[in-house]
Amino acid sequence: MAGGYGEGMPLLVLARHAHTVPAVEAGTTDFDRPLSPAGHAQARRMGEFLASDAVPGTRLIDTVVASPALRTRTTAEAVAESLPAAPDAAAASEGSVRTDAALYGGWIPEWAEALVTIPEDSAGAIIVGHQPTVSAVVAHLADGGASGQVPRFPPSSIAVFRLESWDQLGAPDIAGAARPELIRHFKDDTSS
């Protein structure tokens, strides 16, 4: 990306898992709910979008972290398979998607702690989690929640942040660390 916008600036992508099979139909615990067929397509489109040149630098994402719940892991693995800088599809099944238990059921402080585990030499990271926490973290990063505005974040949504450095995310105080450059939903998107 020599000479390109944001050269050398790390990217952080916060994502909500793709559409799942409804709990009533899944016949499993919440933790083990799988993606629906539509959710698999959404996760693939999310990965393809991040692997494109639509947002400069997203192709450089090399760190993928997810809640250990099945739906977030599956979403993260689909995204990782599309990203040129992330581990390849074969490695995805061998643990290239790192899980963080605090992302399942955790709130802003637990997410702040997860953010500081991103390697300092990472060019970009995506963290896949659950609602309502993901949108609350996006709002908290943007302005500490002072505006009271929480973005709409349906399944398979992303928020992209361009950072000066990973030091901006020094836990536990991540309030106002960065504003999202882009928020995009893949729920009904068929163009990607």
C-alpha atoms as a PDB file:
ATOM      1  CA  MET A   1       0.000   0.000   0.000  1.00  0.00           C
ATOM      2  CA  ALA A   2       2.955   2.274  -0.580  1.00  0.00           C
ATOM      3  CA  GLY A   3       1.918   5.888  -0.704  1.00  0.00           C
ATOM      4  CA  GLY A   4      -1.718   4.938  -0.062  1.00  0.00           C
ATOM      5  CA  TYR A   5      -4.196   6.413   2.350  1.00  0.00           C
ATOM      6  CA  GLY A   6      -3.470   5.357   5.919  1.00  0.00           C
ATOM      7  CA  GLU A   7      -0.157   3.739   5.071  1.00  0.00           C
ATOM      8  CA  GLY A   8       1.274   2.079   8.153  1.00  0.00           C
ATOM      9  CA  MET A   9      -1.838   2.837  10.220  1.00  0.00           C
ATOM     10  CA  PRO A  10      -3.300  -0.285  11.828  1.00  0.00           C
ATOM     11  CA  LEU A  11      -6.924  -1.138  11.147  1.00  0.00           C
ATOM     12  CA  LEU A  12      -9.380  -2.467  13.676  1.00  0.00           C
ATOM     13  CA  VAL A  13     -12.588  -4.096  12.487  1.00  0.00           C
ATOM     14  CA  LEU A  14     -15.284  -4.915  15.018  1.00  0.00           C
ATOM     15  CA  ALA A  15     -17.878  -7.335  13.687  1.00  0.00           C
ATOM     16  CA  ARG A  16     -21.071  -8.989  14.750  1.00  0.00           C
ATOM     17  CA  HIS A  17     -21.478 -12.629  13.792  1.00  0.00           C
ATOM     18  CA  ALA A  18     -23.611 -13.459  10.779  1.00  0.00           C
ATOM     19  CA  HIS A  19     -27.254 -14.632  10.897  1.00  0.00           C
ATOM     20  CA  THR A  20     -27.881 -17.731  12.990  1.00  0.00           C
ATOM     21  CA  VAL A  21     -30.431 -20.468  13.155  1.00  0.00           C
ATOM     22  CA  PRO A  22     -33.086 -19.260  15.625  1.00  0.00           C
ATOM     23  CA  ALA A  23     -32.650 -20.712  19.128  1.00  0.00           C
ATOM     24  CA  VAL A  24     -36.007 -22.489  18.972  1.00  0.00           C
ATOM     25  CA  GLU A  25     -34.997 -24.308  15.779  1.00  0.00           C
ATOM     26  CA  ALA A  26     -31.362 -24.942  16.680  1.00  0.00           C
ATOM     27  CA  GLY A  27     -32.075 -27.424  19.457  1.00  0.00           C
ATOM     28  CA  THR A  28     -28.788 -26.484  21.117  1.00  0.00           C
ATOM     29  CA  THR A  29     -27.523 -24.121  23.763  1.00  0.00           C
ATOM     30  CA  ASP A  30     -27.053 -20.474  22.824  1.00  0.00           C
ATOM     31  CA  PHE A  31     -23.287 -21.084  22.779  1.00  0.00           C
ATOM     32  CA  ASP A  32     -23.632 -23.807  20.125  1.00  0.00           C
ATOM     33  CA  ARG A  33     -26.098 -22.108  17.775  1.00  0.00           C
ATOM     34  CA  PRO A  34     -24.866 -22.443  14.171  1.00  0.00           C
ATOM     35  CA  LEU A  35     -25.038 -19.976  11.318  1.00  0.00           C
ATOM     36  CA  SER A  36     -28.028 -20.278   9.025  1.00  0.00           C
ATOM     37  CA  PRO A  37     -27.470 -20.802   5.278  1.00  0.00           C
ATOM     38  CA  ALA A  38     -28.018 -17.036   4.860  1.00  0.00           C
ATOM     39  CA  GLY A  39     -25.476 -16.441   7.627  1.00  0.00           C
ATOM     40  CA  HIS A  40     -22.823 -18.497   5.841  1.00  0.00           C
ATOM     41  CA  ALA A  41     -23.371 -16.354   2.725  1.00  0.00           C
ATOM     42  CA  GLN A  42     -23.206 -13.150   4.806  1.00  0.00           C
ATOM     43  CA  ALA A  43     -19.943 -14.207   6.459  1.00  0.00           C
ATOM     44  CA  ARG A  44     -18.453 -15.019   3.057  1.00  0.00           C
ATOM     45  CA  ARG A  45     -19.534 -11.599   1.674  1.00  0.00           C
ATOM     46  CA  MET A  46     -18.067  -9.888   4.733  1.00  0.00           C
ATOM     47  CA  GLY A  47     -14.728 -11.597   4.096  1.00  0.00           C
ATOM     48  CA  GLU A  48     -14.821 -10.806   0.385  1.00  0.00           C
ATOM     49  CA  PHE A  49     -15.541  -7.143   1.116  1.00  0.00           C
ATOM     50  CA  LEU A  50     -12.639  -6.919   3.569  1.00  0.00           C
ATOM     51  CA  ALA A  51     -10.377  -8.688   1.056  1.00  0.00           C
ATOM     52  CA  SER A  52     -11.290  -6.187  -1.668  1.00  0.00           C
ATOM     53  CA  ASP A  53      -9.876  -2.725  -2.102  1.00  0.00           C
ATOM     54  CA  ALA A  54     -13.165  -1.115  -0.989  1.00  0.00           C
ATOM     55  CA  VAL A  55     -11.512   0.144   2.208  1.00  0.00           C
ATOM     56  CA  PRO A  56      -7.763   0.770   1.914  1.00  0.00           C
ATOM     57  CA  GLY A  57      -5.787  -1.480   4.212  1.00  0.00           C
ATOM     58  CA  THR A  58      -8.392  -4.120   5.062  1.00  0.00           C
ATOM     59  CA  ARG A  59      -6.542  -6.618   2.885  1.00  0.00           C
ATOM     60  CA  LEU A  60      -3.717  -6.356   5.434  1.00  0.00           C
ATOM     61  CA  ILE A  61      -5.765  -7.766   8.339  1.00  0.00           C
ATOM     62  CA  ASP A  62      -3.605 -10.479   9.857  1.00  0.00           C
ATOM     63  CA  THR A  63      -5.171 -11.032  13.294  1.00  0.00           C
ATOM     64  CA  VAL A  64      -8.580 -12.662  13.725  1.00  0.00           C
ATOM     65  CA  VAL A  65     -10.162 -12.976  17.181  1.00  0.00           C
ATOM     66  CA  ALA A  66     -13.631 -14.294  18.022  1.00  0.00           C
ATOM     67  CA  SER A  67     -15.846 -15.216  20.899  1.00  0.00           C
ATOM     68  CA  PRO A  68     -15.642 -18.990  21.385  1.00  0.00           C
ATOM     69  CA  ALA A  69     -19.359 -19.405  20.524  1.00  0.00           C
ATOM     70  CA  LEU A  70     -19.924 -21.477  17.381  1.00  0.00           C
ATOM     71  CA  ARG A  71     -21.585 -18.656  15.398  1.00  0.00           C
ATOM     72  CA  THR A  72     -18.746 -16.191  15.988  1.00  0.00           C
ATOM     73  CA  ARG A  73     -16.013 -18.740  15.314  1.00  0.00           C
ATOM     74  CA  THR A  74     -17.703 -19.791  12.067  1.00  0.00           C
ATOM     75  CA  THR A  75     -18.079 -16.165  10.971  1.00  0.00           C
ATOM     76  CA  ALA A  76     -14.440 -15.411  11.827  1.00  0.00           C
ATOM     77  CA  GLU A  77     -13.196 -18.492   9.985  1.00  0.00           C
ATOM     78  CA  ALA A  78     -15.127 -17.509   6.836  1.00  0.00           C
ATOM     79  CA  VAL A  79     -13.640 -14.011   6.992  1.00  0.00           C
ATOM     80  CA  ALA A  80     -10.119 -15.347   7.624  1.00  0.00           C
ATOM     81  CA  GLU A  81     -10.379 -17.607   4.575  1.00  0.00           C
ATOM     82  CA  SER A  82     -10.909 -14.534   2.370  1.00  0.00           C
ATOM     83  CA  LEU A  83      -8.180 -12.298   3.761  1.00  0.00           C
ATOM     84  CA  PRO A  84      -4.836 -12.466   1.946  1.00  0.00           C
ATOM     85  CA  ALA A  85      -2.818 -11.497   5.029  1.00  0.00           C
ATOM     86  CA  ALA A  86      -4.714 -13.768   7.443  1.00  0.00           C
ATOM     87  CA  PRO A  87      -3.883 -17.437   7.788  1.00  0.00           C
ATOM     88  CA  ASP A  88      -5.224 -19.554   4.927  1.00  0.00           C
ATOM     89  CA  ALA A  89      -8.365 -21.697   4.976  1.00  0.00           C
ATOM     90  CA  ALA A  90      -6.512 -24.883   5.906  1.00  0.00           C
ATOM     91  CA  ALA A  91      -4.903 -23.142   8.852  1.00  0.00           C
ATOM     92  CA  ALA A  92      -8.268 -21.697   9.920  1.00  0.00           C
ATOM     93  CA  SER A  93      -9.364 -25.128  11.067  1.00  0.00           C
ATOM     94  CA  GLU A  94      -6.081 -25.496  12.954  1.00  0.00           C
ATOM     95  CA  GLY A  95      -6.567 -22.454  15.128  1.00  0.00           C
ATOM     96  CA  SER A  96      -5.698 -19.400  13.045  1.00  0.00           C
ATOM     97  CA  VAL A  97      -8.787 -17.771  14.548  1.00  0.00           C
ATOM     98  CA  ARG A  98      -7.925 -17.021  18.142  1.00  0.00           C
ATOM     99  CA  THR A  99     -10.806 -17.210  20.590  1.00  0.00           C
ATOM    100  CA  ASP A 100     -11.222 -15.060  23.676  1.00  0.00           C
ATOM    101  CA  ALA A 101     -13.753 -16.299  26.238  1.00  0.00           C
ATOM    102  CA  ALA A 102     -14.346 -12.756  27.534  1.00  0.00           C
ATOM    103  CA  LEU A 103     -15.968 -11.832  24.212  1.00  0.00           C
ATOM    104  CA  TYR A 104     -18.888 -14.163  24.951  1.00  0.00           C
ATOM    105  CA  GLY A 105     -21.045 -12.343  27.459  1.00  0.00           C
ATOM    106  CA  GLY A 106     -18.396  -9.740  28.259  1.00  0.00           C
ATOM    107  CA  TRP A 107     -19.058  -6.007  28.260  1.00  0.00           C
ATOM    108  CA  ILE A 108     -16.907  -2.973  27.356  1.00  0.00           C
ATOM    109  CA  PRO A 109     -14.171  -3.591  29.996  1.00  0.00           C
ATOM    110  CA  GLU A 110     -13.687  -7.195  28.842  1.00  0.00           C
ATOM    111  CA  TRP A 111     -13.537  -6.089  25.217  1.00  0.00           C
ATOM    112  CA  ALA A 112     -10.992  -3.417  26.154  1.00  0.00           C
ATOM    113  CA  GLU A 113      -8.829  -6.150  27.665  1.00  0.00           C
ATOM    114  CA  ALA A 114      -9.215  -8.250  24.489  1.00  0.00           C
ATOM    115  CA  LEU A 115      -8.171  -5.290  22.327  1.00  0.00           C
ATOM    116  CA  VAL A 116      -4.843  -4.933  24.110  1.00  0.00           C
ATOM    117  CA  THR A 117      -3.970  -8.528  23.218  1.00  0.00           C
ATOM    118  CA  ILE A 118      -3.690  -7.622  19.530  1.00  0.00           C
ATOM    119  CA  PRO A 119      -0.002  -8.011  18.649  1.00  0.00           C
ATOM    120  CA  GLU A 120       1.690  -4.597  18.328  1.00  0.00           C
ATOM    121  CA  ASP A 121       3.148  -5.578  14.949  1.00  0.00           C
ATOM    122  CA  SER A 122      -0.266  -6.528  13.527  1.00  0.00           C
ATOM    123  CA  ALA A 123      -1.255  -4.533  10.425  1.00  0.00           C
ATOM    124  CA  GLY A 124      -4.914  -5.076  11.157  1.00  0.00           C
ATOM    125  CA  ALA A 125      -7.288  -7.074  13.308  1.00  0.00           C
ATOM    126  CA  ILE A 126     -10.894  -8.166  13.218  1.00  0.00           C
ATOM    127  CA  ILE A 127     -12.770  -9.088  16.374  1.00  0.00           C
ATOM    128  CA  VAL A 128     -16.060 -10.954  15.993  1.00  0.00           C
ATOM    129  CA  GLY A 129     -18.579 -10.871  18.813  1.00  0.00           C
ATOM    130  CA  HIS A 130     -22.188 -10.497  19.873  1.00  0.00           C
ATOM    131  CA  GLN A 131     -24.892  -7.890  20.370  1.00  0.00           C
ATOM    132  CA  PRO A 132     -25.536  -5.736  22.254  1.00  0.00           C
ATOM    133  CA  THR A 133     -21.864  -5.545  23.175  1.00  0.00           C
ATOM    134  CA  VAL A 134     -20.362  -4.936  19.729  1.00  0.00           C
ATOM    135  CA  SER A 135     -22.387  -1.786  19.062  1.00  0.00           C
ATOM    136  CA  ALA A 136     -21.778  -0.575  22.630  1.00  0.00           C
ATOM    137  CA  VAL A 137     -18.014  -0.967  22.118  1.00  0.00           C
ATOM    138  CA  VAL A 138     -18.224   0.886  18.785  1.00  0.00           C
ATOM    139  CA  ALA A 139     -20.062   3.767  20.508  1.00  0.00           C
ATOM    140  CA  HIS A 140     -17.635   3.730  23.434  1.00  0.00           C
ATOM    141  CA  LEU A 141     -14.590   3.847  21.151  1.00  0.00           C
ATOM    142  CA  ALA A 142     -16.150   6.732  19.201  1.00  0.00           C
ATOM    143  CA  ASP A 143     -17.030   9.057  22.078  1.00  0.00           C
ATOM    144  CA  GLY A 144     -17.160   7.155  25.328  1.00  0.00           C
ATOM    145  CA  GLY A 145     -20.900   6.831  24.879  1.00  0.00           C
ATOM    146  CA  ALA A 146     -21.342  10.560  25.580  1.00  0.00           C
ATOM    147  CA  SER A 147     -23.600  11.104  22.563  1.00  0.00           C
ATOM    148  CA  GLY A 148     -25.935   8.312  23.570  1.00  0.00           C
ATOM    149  CA  GLN A 149     -25.810   7.161  19.949  1.00  0.00           C
ATOM    150  CA  VAL A 150     -25.341   3.428  19.476  1.00  0.00           C
ATOM    151  CA  PRO A 151     -25.086   2.281  15.860  1.00  0.00           C
ATOM    152  CA  ARG A 152     -27.576  -0.114  14.350  1.00  0.00           C
ATOM    153  CA  PHE A 153     -25.696  -3.403  14.185  1.00  0.00           C
ATOM    154  CA  PRO A 154     -27.702  -6.286  12.674  1.00  0.00           C
ATOM    155  CA  PRO A 155     -26.036  -9.672  12.141  1.00  0.00           C
ATOM    156  CA  SER A 156     -23.000  -9.508   9.829  1.00  0.00           C
ATOM    157  CA  SER A 157     -22.192  -5.854  10.471  1.00  0.00           C
ATOM    158  CA  ILE A 158     -18.721  -4.336  10.679  1.00  0.00           C
ATOM    159  CA  ALA A 159     -17.231  -1.111  11.983  1.00  0.00           C
ATOM    160  CA  VAL A 160     -13.798  -0.168  10.620  1.00  0.00           C
ATOM    161  CA  PHE A 161     -11.410   2.027  12.629  1.00  0.00           C
ATOM    162  CA  ARG A 162      -8.073   3.392  11.390  1.00  0.00           C
ATOM    163  CA  LEU A 163      -5.704   3.949  14.312  1.00  0.00           C
ATOM    164  CA  GLU A 164      -2.508   5.954  14.714  1.00  0.00           C
ATOM    165  CA  SER A 165      -1.157   2.958  16.641  1.00  0.00           C
ATOM    166  CA  TRP A 166      -2.443   0.096  18.770  1.00  0.00           C
ATOM    167  CA  ASP A 167      -1.493   2.198  21.810  1.00  0.00           C
ATOM    168  CA  GLN A 168      -4.748   4.122  21.299  1.00  0.00           C
ATOM    169  CA  LEU A 169      -6.529   1.086  22.680  1.00  0.00           C
ATOM    170  CA  GLY A 170      -4.837   1.109  26.072  1.00  0.00           C
ATOM    171  CA  ALA A 171      -7.253  -0.727  28.370  1.00  0.00           C
ATOM    172  CA  PRO A 172      -9.181  -0.153  30.434  1.00  0.00           C
ATOM    173  CA  ASP A 173      -9.871   3.373  29.153  1.00  0.00           C
ATOM    174  CA  ILE A 174     -10.742   3.100  25.469  1.00  0.00           C
ATOM    175  CA  ALA A 175     -13.392   5.825  25.586  1.00  0.00           C
ATOM    176  CA  GLY A 176     -13.093   8.116  22.599  1.00  0.00           C
ATOM    177  CA  ALA A 177     -10.042   6.270  21.233  1.00  0.00           C
ATOM    178  CA  ALA A 178     -11.174   6.379  17.589  1.00  0.00           C
ATOM    179  CA  ARG A 179     -14.126   7.129  15.353  1.00  0.00           C
ATOM    180  CA  PRO A 180     -15.359   4.512  12.883  1.00  0.00           C
ATOM    181  CA  GLU A 181     -14.351   5.197   9.312  1.00  0.00           C
ATOM    182  CA  LEU A 182     -17.078   2.907   8.038  1.00  0.00           C
ATOM    183  CA  ILE A 183     -20.031   0.946   9.372  1.00  0.00           C
ATOM    184  CA  ARG A 184     -21.475  -1.572   6.937  1.00  0.00           C
ATOM    185  CA  HIS A 185     -24.163  -4.217   7.153  1.00  0.00           C
ATOM    186  CA  PHE A 186     -24.090  -7.376   5.042  1.00  0.00           C
ATOM    187  CA  LYS A 187     -27.508  -8.605   6.171  1.00  0.00           C
ATOM    188  CA  ASP A 188     -29.300  -8.090   2.872  1.00  0.00           C
ATOM    189  CA  ASP A 189     -26.344  -7.219   0.666  1.00  0.00           C
ATOM    190  CA  THR A 190     -26.152  -9.232  -2.533  1.00  0.00           C
ATOM    191  CA  SER A 191     -23.872  -6.859  -4.448  1.00  0.00           C
ATOM    192  CA  SER A 192     -20.581  -7.956  -2.885  1.00  0.00           C
END
